Amino acid sequence: MHYEVKCTSCKRTFKLYEGEEQYKQYKERKSRLFYCEDCKHKIRFEAIKNFFRNY
């Protein structure tokens, strides 16, 4: 089973499959912000870059 959701960042539609953390959050409506794998990677990379830039 899966849900189709829209990425908050790039607005592309992607699927959340059963067993994923985002699937659980979507099902329980704990979060309304969902990101595709590409956007999650970009956000994580930018956060790491900014962290090391400050030191």
C-alpha atoms as a PDB file:
ATOM      1  CA  MET A   1       0.000   0.000   0.000  1.00  0.00           C
ATOM      2  CA  HIS A   2       1.172   3.548  -0.658  1.00  0.00           C
ATOM      3  CA  TYR A   3       0.074   7.174  -0.607  1.00  0.00           C
ATOM      4  CA  GLU A   4       0.851   9.756  -3.259  1.00  0.00           C
ATOM      5  CA  VAL A   5       1.877  13.119  -1.839  1.00  0.00           C
ATOM      6  CA  LYS A   6       3.293  16.335  -3.250  1.00  0.00           C
ATOM      7  CA  CYS A   7       6.805  17.411  -2.277  1.00  0.00           C
ATOM      8  CA  THR A   8       6.720  20.634  -0.278  1.00  0.00           C
ATOM      9  CA  SER A   9       9.845  21.936  -1.971  1.00  0.00           C
ATOM     10  CA  CYS A  10       9.741  20.985  -5.664  1.00  0.00           C
ATOM     11  CA  LYS A  11       5.977  20.255  -5.944  1.00  0.00           C
ATOM     12  CA  ARG A  12       6.528  16.893  -7.664  1.00  0.00           C
ATOM     13  CA  THR A  13       4.288  13.983  -6.733  1.00  0.00           C
ATOM     14  CA  PHE A  14       5.983  10.984  -5.133  1.00  0.00           C
ATOM     15  CA  LYS A  15       4.889   7.853  -3.313  1.00  0.00           C
ATOM     16  CA  LEU A  16       5.154   6.994   0.360  1.00  0.00           C
ATOM     17  CA  TYR A  17       5.357   3.251   0.869  1.00  0.00           C
ATOM     18  CA  GLU A  18       4.298   1.295   3.923  1.00  0.00           C
ATOM     19  CA  GLY A  19       7.139   0.910   6.403  1.00  0.00           C
ATOM     20  CA  GLU A  20       8.721   4.326   5.755  1.00  0.00           C
ATOM     21  CA  GLU A  21       8.817   6.939   8.518  1.00  0.00           C
ATOM     22  CA  GLN A  22       7.092   9.545   6.318  1.00  0.00           C
ATOM     23  CA  TYR A  23       4.329   7.033   5.564  1.00  0.00           C
ATOM     24  CA  LYS A  24       3.693   6.666   9.283  1.00  0.00           C
ATOM     25  CA  GLN A  25       3.704  10.451   9.769  1.00  0.00           C
ATOM     26  CA  TYR A  26       1.312  10.937   6.878  1.00  0.00           C
ATOM     27  CA  LYS A  27      -1.046   8.273   8.154  1.00  0.00           C
ATOM     28  CA  GLU A  28      -1.080   9.783  11.658  1.00  0.00           C
ATOM     29  CA  ARG A  29      -1.070  13.359  10.265  1.00  0.00           C
ATOM     30  CA  LYS A  30       1.817  14.308  12.551  1.00  0.00           C
ATOM     31  CA  SER A  31       3.524  16.254   9.796  1.00  0.00           C
ATOM     32  CA  ARG A  32       2.250  18.215   6.830  1.00  0.00           C
ATOM     33  CA  LEU A  33       5.673  18.797   5.267  1.00  0.00           C
ATOM     34  CA  PHE A  34       6.861  15.992   3.022  1.00  0.00           C
ATOM     35  CA  TYR A  35       9.969  15.991   0.861  1.00  0.00           C
ATOM     36  CA  CYS A  36      11.034  13.677  -1.957  1.00  0.00           C
ATOM     37  CA  GLU A  37      14.408  11.918  -1.703  1.00  0.00           C
ATOM     38  CA  ASP A  38      16.145  14.497  -3.922  1.00  0.00           C
ATOM     39  CA  CYS A  39      14.950  17.437  -1.833  1.00  0.00           C
ATOM     40  CA  LYS A  40      15.744  15.653   1.450  1.00  0.00           C
ATOM     41  CA  HIS A  41      19.292  15.093   0.206  1.00  0.00           C
ATOM     42  CA  LYS A  42      19.687  18.745  -0.857  1.00  0.00           C
ATOM     43  CA  ILE A  43      18.352  20.031   2.484  1.00  0.00           C
ATOM     44  CA  ARG A  44      20.646  17.718   4.468  1.00  0.00           C
ATOM     45  CA  PHE A  45      23.673  18.685   2.346  1.00  0.00           C
ATOM     46  CA  GLU A  46      22.973  22.419   2.769  1.00  0.00           C
ATOM     47  CA  ALA A  47      22.596  21.999   6.549  1.00  0.00           C
ATOM     48  CA  ILE A  48      25.945  20.189   6.776  1.00  0.00           C
ATOM     49  CA  LYS A  49      27.599  22.791   4.560  1.00  0.00           C
ATOM     50  CA  ASN A  50      26.269  25.644   6.704  1.00  0.00           C
ATOM     51  CA  PHE A  51      27.321  23.882   9.896  1.00  0.00           C
ATOM     52  CA  PHE A  52      30.943  23.578   8.749  1.00  0.00           C
ATOM     53  CA  ARG A  53      30.979  27.067   7.248  1.00  0.00           C
ATOM     54  CA  ASN A  54      30.470  28.523  10.735  1.00  0.00           C
ATOM     55  CA  TYR A  55      33.594  26.803  12.111  1.00  0.00           C
END
